[in-house]
Amino acid sequence: MGSYEINLEQQTATSINGITFKLFKTEQGEYKGVCLNPKDIPPDDMDDEILARMIKEAGVFYELAKKSR
């Protein structure tokens, strides 16, 4: 699992390689995200499956940060 810098006020998670996601919680309690800086995504991470996994991981770290607040 990766590591993310979490900003609770802006609802963002930034990965160790600098990709920032704006997170939104769905009705099912999962997180969806929008990449705020798509030009910074490395070519080998452009795959939809990889990005979806990164958003899921970011949501886990975001939820943990909310609980430890």
PDB file of N, CA and C in Angstrom:
ATOM      1  N   MET A   1       0.843  -1.180   0.000  1.00  0.00           N
ATOM      2  CA  MET A   1       0.000   0.000   0.000  1.00  0.00           C
ATOM      3  C   MET A   1       0.883   1.236   0.000  1.00  0.00           C
ATOM      4  N   GLY A   2       0.435   2.287  -0.666  1.00  0.00           N
ATOM      5  CA  GLY A   2       1.200   3.516  -0.791  1.00  0.00           C
ATOM      6  C   GLY A   2       1.136   4.391   0.437  1.00  0.00           C
ATOM      7  N   SER A   3       1.626   5.589   0.262  1.00  0.00           N
ATOM      8  CA  SER A   3       1.616   6.579   1.329  1.00  0.00           C
ATOM      9  C   SER A   3       1.069   7.874   0.739  1.00  0.00           C
ATOM     10  N   TYR A   4       0.233   8.562   1.485  1.00  0.00           N
ATOM     11  CA  TYR A   4      -0.410   9.767   0.986  1.00  0.00           C
ATOM     12  C   TYR A   4      -0.348  10.880   2.013  1.00  0.00           C
ATOM     13  N   GLU A   5      -0.166  12.101   1.537  1.00  0.00           N
ATOM     14  CA  GLU A   5      -0.290  13.286   2.371  1.00  0.00           C
ATOM     15  C   GLU A   5      -1.755  13.697   2.284  1.00  0.00           C
ATOM     16  N   ILE A   6      -2.412  13.755   3.430  1.00  0.00           N
ATOM     17  CA  ILE A   6      -3.850  14.010   3.483  1.00  0.00           C
ATOM     18  C   ILE A   6      -4.127  15.449   3.899  1.00  0.00           C
ATOM     19  N   ASN A   7      -5.043  16.107   3.203  1.00  0.00           N
ATOM     20  CA  ASN A   7      -5.512  17.427   3.579  1.00  0.00           C
ATOM     21  C   ASN A   7      -7.015  17.302   3.817  1.00  0.00           C
ATOM     22  N   LEU A   8      -7.404  17.244   5.097  1.00  0.00           N
ATOM     23  CA  LEU A   8      -8.809  17.023   5.438  1.00  0.00           C
ATOM     24  C   LEU A   8      -9.703  18.194   5.031  1.00  0.00           C
ATOM     25  N   GLU A   9      -9.198  19.414   5.144  1.00  0.00           N
ATOM     26  CA  GLU A   9     -10.013  20.584   4.814  1.00  0.00           C
ATOM     27  C   GLU A   9     -10.355  20.630   3.326  1.00  0.00           C
ATOM     28  N   GLN A  10      -9.378  20.301   2.473  1.00  0.00           N
ATOM     29  CA  GLN A  10      -9.607  20.343   1.031  1.00  0.00           C
ATOM     30  C   GLN A  10     -10.075  19.002   0.469  1.00  0.00           C
ATOM     31  N   GLN A  11     -10.144  17.982   1.315  1.00  0.00           N
ATOM     32  CA  GLN A  11     -10.526  16.623   0.919  1.00  0.00           C
ATOM     33  C   GLN A  11      -9.630  16.101  -0.202  1.00  0.00           C
ATOM     34  N   THR A  12      -8.306  16.262  -0.016  1.00  0.00           N
ATOM     35  CA  THR A  12      -7.369  15.785  -1.014  1.00  0.00           C
ATOM     36  C   THR A  12      -6.373  14.811  -0.404  1.00  0.00           C
ATOM     37  N   ALA A  13      -5.829  13.993  -1.287  1.00  0.00           N
ATOM     38  CA  ALA A  13      -4.761  13.064  -0.919  1.00  0.00           C
ATOM     39  C   ALA A  13      -3.707  13.152  -2.019  1.00  0.00           C
ATOM     40  N   THR A  14      -2.455  13.360  -1.606  1.00  0.00           N
ATOM     41  CA  THR A  14      -1.358  13.458  -2.561  1.00  0.00           C
ATOM     42  C   THR A  14      -0.435  12.261  -2.370  1.00  0.00           C
ATOM     43  N   SER A  15      -0.201  11.517  -3.442  1.00  0.00           N
ATOM     44  CA  SER A  15       0.644  10.328  -3.372  1.00  0.00           C
ATOM     45  C   SER A  15       2.111  10.723  -3.271  1.00  0.00           C
ATOM     46  N   ILE A  16       2.961   9.735  -2.961  1.00  0.00           N
ATOM     47  CA  ILE A  16       4.388  10.019  -2.829  1.00  0.00           C
ATOM     48  C   ILE A  16       5.015  10.467  -4.151  1.00  0.00           C
ATOM     49  N   ASN A  17       4.370  10.165  -5.273  1.00  0.00           N
ATOM     50  CA  ASN A  17       4.901  10.629  -6.551  1.00  0.00           C
ATOM     51  C   ASN A  17       4.229  11.916  -7.033  1.00  0.00           C
ATOM     52  N   GLY A  18       3.472  12.577  -6.152  1.00  0.00           N
ATOM     53  CA  GLY A  18       2.930  13.900  -6.426  1.00  0.00           C
ATOM     54  C   GLY A  18       1.581  13.964  -7.102  1.00  0.00           C
ATOM     55  N   ILE A  19       0.903  12.841  -7.265  1.00  0.00           N
ATOM     56  CA  ILE A  19      -0.422  12.858  -7.872  1.00  0.00           C
ATOM     57  C   ILE A  19      -1.454  13.208  -6.791  1.00  0.00           C
ATOM     58  N   THR A  20      -2.236  14.252  -7.052  1.00  0.00           N
ATOM     59  CA  THR A  20      -3.215  14.719  -6.065  1.00  0.00           C
ATOM     60  C   THR A  20      -4.624  14.373  -6.517  1.00  0.00           C
ATOM     61  N   PHE A  21      -5.375  13.750  -5.601  1.00  0.00           N
ATOM     62  CA  PHE A  21      -6.760  13.382  -5.859  1.00  0.00           C
ATOM     63  C   PHE A  21      -7.686  14.176  -4.944  1.00  0.00           C
ATOM     64  N   LYS A  22      -8.764  14.705  -5.503  1.00  0.00           N
ATOM     65  CA  LYS A  22      -9.857  15.290  -4.732  1.00  0.00           C
ATOM     66  C   LYS A  22     -10.811  14.135  -4.487  1.00  0.00           C
ATOM     67  N   LEU A  23     -11.121  13.853  -3.214  1.00  0.00           N
ATOM     68  CA  LEU A  23     -11.912  12.677  -2.870  1.00  0.00           C
ATOM     69  C   LEU A  23     -13.364  13.024  -2.558  1.00  0.00           C
ATOM     70  N   PHE A  24     -14.249  12.132  -2.955  1.00  0.00           N
ATOM     71  CA  PHE A  24     -15.682  12.254  -2.707  1.00  0.00           C
ATOM     72  C   PHE A  24     -16.184  10.921  -2.176  1.00  0.00           C
ATOM     73  N   LYS A  25     -16.913  10.951  -1.071  1.00  0.00           N
ATOM     74  CA  LYS A  25     -17.457   9.724  -0.496  1.00  0.00           C
ATOM     75  C   LYS A  25     -18.788   9.401  -1.155  1.00  0.00           C
ATOM     76  N   THR A  26     -18.928   8.156  -1.604  1.00  0.00           N
ATOM     77  CA  THR A  26     -20.169   7.723  -2.254  1.00  0.00           C
ATOM     78  C   THR A  26     -21.187   7.310  -1.194  1.00  0.00           C
ATOM     79  N   GLU A  27     -22.414   7.077  -1.632  1.00  0.00           N
ATOM     80  CA  GLU A  27     -23.461   6.622  -0.716  1.00  0.00           C
ATOM     81  C   GLU A  27     -23.124   5.259  -0.123  1.00  0.00           C
ATOM     82  N   GLN A  28     -22.323   4.471  -0.832  1.00  0.00           N
ATOM     83  CA  GLN A  28     -21.930   3.149  -0.348  1.00  0.00           C
ATOM     84  C   GLN A  28     -20.764   3.231   0.641  1.00  0.00           C
ATOM     85  N   GLY A  29     -20.263   4.439   0.901  1.00  0.00           N
ATOM     86  CA  GLY A  29     -19.181   4.618   1.860  1.00  0.00           C
ATOM     87  C   GLY A  29     -17.788   4.465   1.280  1.00  0.00           C
ATOM     88  N   GLU A  30     -17.699   4.308  -0.026  1.00  0.00           N
ATOM     89  CA  GLU A  30     -16.403   4.219  -0.682  1.00  0.00           C
ATOM     90  C   GLU A  30     -16.000   5.604  -1.186  1.00  0.00           C
ATOM     91  N   TYR A  31     -14.730   5.748  -1.516  1.00  0.00           N
ATOM     92  CA  TYR A  31     -14.261   7.023  -2.047  1.00  0.00           C
ATOM     93  C   TYR A  31     -14.013   6.932  -3.535  1.00  0.00           C
ATOM     94  N   LYS A  32     -14.434   7.968  -4.231  1.00  0.00           N
ATOM     95  CA  LYS A  32     -14.133   8.170  -5.640  1.00  0.00           C
ATOM     96  C   LYS A  32     -13.254   9.407  -5.683  1.00  0.00           C
ATOM     97  N   GLY A  33     -12.517   9.568  -6.760  1.00  0.00           N
ATOM     98  CA  GLY A  33     -11.635  10.714  -6.821  1.00  0.00           C
ATOM     99  C   GLY A  33     -11.426  11.238  -8.218  1.00  0.00           C
ATOM    100  N   VAL A  34     -11.005  12.482  -8.259  1.00  0.00           N
ATOM    101  CA  VAL A  34     -10.664  13.156  -9.495  1.00  0.00           C
ATOM    102  C   VAL A  34      -9.217  13.608  -9.350  1.00  0.00           C
ATOM    103  N   CYS A  35      -8.409  13.328 -10.345  1.00  0.00           N
ATOM    104  CA  CYS A  35      -7.016  13.751 -10.316  1.00  0.00           C
ATOM    105  C   CYS A  35      -6.958  15.250 -10.612  1.00  0.00           C
ATOM    106  N   LEU A  36      -6.316  16.012  -9.721  1.00  0.00           N
ATOM    107  CA  LEU A  36      -6.221  17.459  -9.887  1.00  0.00           C
ATOM    108  C   LEU A  36      -5.034  17.869 -10.762  1.00  0.00           C
ATOM    109  N   ASN A  37      -4.080  16.982 -10.949  1.00  0.00           N
ATOM    110  CA  ASN A  37      -2.901  17.307 -11.754  1.00  0.00           C
ATOM    111  C   ASN A  37      -2.553  16.147 -12.701  1.00  0.00           C
ATOM    112  N   PRO A  38      -3.441  15.846 -13.663  1.00  0.00           N
ATOM    113  CA  PRO A  38      -3.225  14.687 -14.531  1.00  0.00           C
ATOM    114  C   PRO A  38      -1.930  14.747 -15.344  1.00  0.00           C
ATOM    115  N   LYS A  39      -1.423  15.940 -15.621  1.00  0.00           N
ATOM    116  CA  LYS A  39      -0.177  16.041 -16.395  1.00  0.00           C
ATOM    117  C   LYS A  39       1.014  15.473 -15.631  1.00  0.00           C
ATOM    118  N   ASP A  40       0.887  15.318 -14.310  1.00  0.00           N
ATOM    119  CA  ASP A  40       1.975  14.796 -13.482  1.00  0.00           C
ATOM    120  C   ASP A  40       1.936  13.280 -13.306  1.00  0.00           C
ATOM    121  N   ILE A  41       0.964  12.607 -13.907  1.00  0.00           N
ATOM    122  CA  ILE A  41       0.866  11.151 -13.780  1.00  0.00           C
ATOM    123  C   ILE A  41       1.946  10.515 -14.656  1.00  0.00           C
ATOM    124  N   PRO A  42       2.820   9.699 -14.064  1.00  0.00           N
ATOM    125  CA  PRO A  42       3.840   9.021 -14.866  1.00  0.00           C
ATOM    126  C   PRO A  42       3.181   8.105 -15.906  1.00  0.00           C
ATOM    127  N   PRO A  43       3.809   7.950 -17.072  1.00  0.00           N
ATOM    128  CA  PRO A  43       3.214   7.117 -18.136  1.00  0.00           C
ATOM    129  C   PRO A  43       2.845   5.702 -17.684  1.00  0.00           C
ATOM    130  N   ASP A  44       3.643   5.099 -16.794  1.00  0.00           N
ATOM    131  CA  ASP A  44       3.315   3.735 -16.374  1.00  0.00           C
ATOM    132  C   ASP A  44       2.156   3.679 -15.387  1.00  0.00           C
ATOM    133  N   ASP A  45       1.670   4.828 -14.884  1.00  0.00           N
ATOM    134  CA  ASP A  45       0.511   4.859 -13.984  1.00  0.00           C
ATOM    135  C   ASP A  45      -0.763   5.314 -14.691  1.00  0.00           C
ATOM    136  N   MET A  46      -0.719   5.502 -16.005  1.00  0.00           N
ATOM    137  CA  MET A  46      -1.872   6.021 -16.742  1.00  0.00           C
ATOM    138  C   MET A  46      -2.996   5.005 -16.907  1.00  0.00           C
ATOM    139  N   ASP A  47      -2.760   3.772 -16.583  1.00  0.00           N
ATOM    140  CA  ASP A  47      -3.754   2.718 -16.700  1.00  0.00           C
ATOM    141  C   ASP A  47      -4.918   2.998 -15.748  1.00  0.00           C
ATOM    142  N   ASP A  48      -6.154   2.836 -16.238  1.00  0.00           N
ATOM    143  CA  ASP A  48      -7.344   3.099 -15.414  1.00  0.00           C
ATOM    144  C   ASP A  48      -7.375   2.227 -14.165  1.00  0.00           C
ATOM    145  N   GLU A  49      -6.935   0.982 -14.297  1.00  0.00           N
ATOM    146  CA  GLU A  49      -6.936   0.072 -13.149  1.00  0.00           C
ATOM    147  C   GLU A  49      -5.961   0.546 -12.070  1.00  0.00           C
ATOM    148  N   ILE A  50      -4.801   1.013 -12.462  1.00  0.00           N
ATOM    149  CA  ILE A  50      -3.809   1.514 -11.504  1.00  0.00           C
ATOM    150  C   ILE A  50      -4.336   2.771 -10.817  1.00  0.00           C
ATOM    151  N   LEU A  51      -4.905   3.681 -11.600  1.00  0.00           N
ATOM    152  CA  LEU A  51      -5.444   4.907 -11.001  1.00  0.00           C
ATOM    153  C   LEU A  51      -6.606   4.609 -10.057  1.00  0.00           C
ATOM    154  N   ALA A  52      -7.454   3.661 -10.420  1.00  0.00           N
ATOM    155  CA  ALA A  52      -8.568   3.284  -9.536  1.00  0.00           C
ATOM    156  C   ALA A  52      -8.038   2.719  -8.220  1.00  0.00           C
ATOM    157  N   ARG A  53      -6.983   1.908  -8.301  1.00  0.00           N
ATOM    158  CA  ARG A  53      -6.376   1.347  -7.091  1.00  0.00           C
ATOM    159  C   ARG A  53      -5.762   2.463  -6.229  1.00  0.00           C
ATOM    160  N   MET A  54      -5.139   3.442  -6.883  1.00  0.00           N
ATOM    161  CA  MET A  54      -4.549   4.563  -6.151  1.00  0.00           C
ATOM    162  C   MET A  54      -5.631   5.377  -5.433  1.00  0.00           C
ATOM    163  N   ILE A  55      -6.764   5.588  -6.094  1.00  0.00           N
ATOM    164  CA  ILE A  55      -7.860   6.331  -5.466  1.00  0.00           C
ATOM    165  C   ILE A  55      -8.411   5.548  -4.278  1.00  0.00           C
ATOM    166  N   LYS A  56      -8.538   4.240  -4.426  1.00  0.00           N
ATOM    167  CA  LYS A  56      -9.018   3.408  -3.327  1.00  0.00           C
ATOM    168  C   LYS A  56      -8.064   3.496  -2.133  1.00  0.00           C
ATOM    169  N   GLU A  57      -6.758   3.392  -2.388  1.00  0.00           N
ATOM    170  CA  GLU A  57      -5.764   3.522  -1.319  1.00  0.00           C
ATOM    171  C   GLU A  57      -5.837   4.900  -0.674  1.00  0.00           C
ATOM    172  N   ALA A  58      -5.963   5.936  -1.496  1.00  0.00           N
ATOM    173  CA  ALA A  58      -6.048   7.294  -0.971  1.00  0.00           C
ATOM    174  C   ALA A  58      -7.260   7.439  -0.053  1.00  0.00           C
ATOM    175  N   GLY A  59      -8.374   6.818  -0.432  1.00  0.00           N
ATOM    176  CA  GLY A  59      -9.575   6.855   0.404  1.00  0.00           C
ATOM    177  C   GLY A  59      -9.356   6.194   1.746  1.00  0.00           C
ATOM    178  N   VAL A  60      -8.598   5.099   1.767  1.00  0.00           N
ATOM    179  CA  VAL A  60      -8.291   4.416   3.032  1.00  0.00           C
ATOM    180  C   VAL A  60      -7.473   5.337   3.930  1.00  0.00           C
ATOM    181  N   PHE A  61      -6.440   5.953   3.368  1.00  0.00           N
ATOM    182  CA  PHE A  61      -5.608   6.859   4.163  1.00  0.00           C
ATOM    183  C   PHE A  61      -6.396   8.089   4.614  1.00  0.00           C
ATOM    184  N   TYR A  62      -7.287   8.588   3.760  1.00  0.00           N
ATOM    185  CA  TYR A  62      -8.118   9.722   4.112  1.00  0.00           C
ATOM    186  C   TYR A  62      -9.034   9.377   5.283  1.00  0.00           C
ATOM    187  N   GLU A  63      -9.655   8.224   5.227  1.00  0.00           N
ATOM    188  CA  GLU A  63     -10.560   7.775   6.305  1.00  0.00           C
ATOM    189  C   GLU A  63      -9.773   7.610   7.612  1.00  0.00           C
ATOM    190  N   LEU A  64      -8.573   7.043   7.544  1.00  0.00           N
ATOM    191  CA  LEU A  64      -7.733   6.900   8.743  1.00  0.00           C
ATOM    192  C   LEU A  64      -7.369   8.255   9.327  1.00  0.00           C
ATOM    193  N   ALA A  65      -7.067   9.226   8.468  1.00  0.00           N
ATOM    194  CA  ALA A  65      -6.727  10.565   8.947  1.00  0.00           C
ATOM    195  C   ALA A  65      -7.927  11.220   9.623  1.00  0.00           C
ATOM    196  N   LYS A  66      -9.129  11.009   9.075  1.00  0.00           N
ATOM    197  CA  LYS A  66     -10.343  11.561   9.699  1.00  0.00           C
ATOM    198  C   LYS A  66     -10.563  10.967  11.086  1.00  0.00           C
ATOM    199  N   LYS A  67     -10.323   9.664  11.228  1.00  0.00           N
ATOM    200  CA  LYS A  67     -10.547   8.998  12.505  1.00  0.00           C
ATOM    201  C   LYS A  67      -9.522   9.404  13.560  1.00  0.00           C
ATOM    202  N   SER A  68      -8.309   9.727  13.133  1.00  0.00           N
ATOM    203  CA  SER A  68      -7.267  10.075  14.099  1.00  0.00           C
ATOM    204  C   SER A  68      -7.283  11.568  14.428  1.00  0.00           C
ATOM    205  N   ARG A  69      -8.160  12.296  13.845  1.00  0.00           N
ATOM    206  CA  ARG A  69      -8.272  13.742  14.067  1.00  0.00           C
ATOM    207  C   ARG A  69      -8.700  14.075  15.439  1.00  0.00           C
TER     208      ARG A  69
END
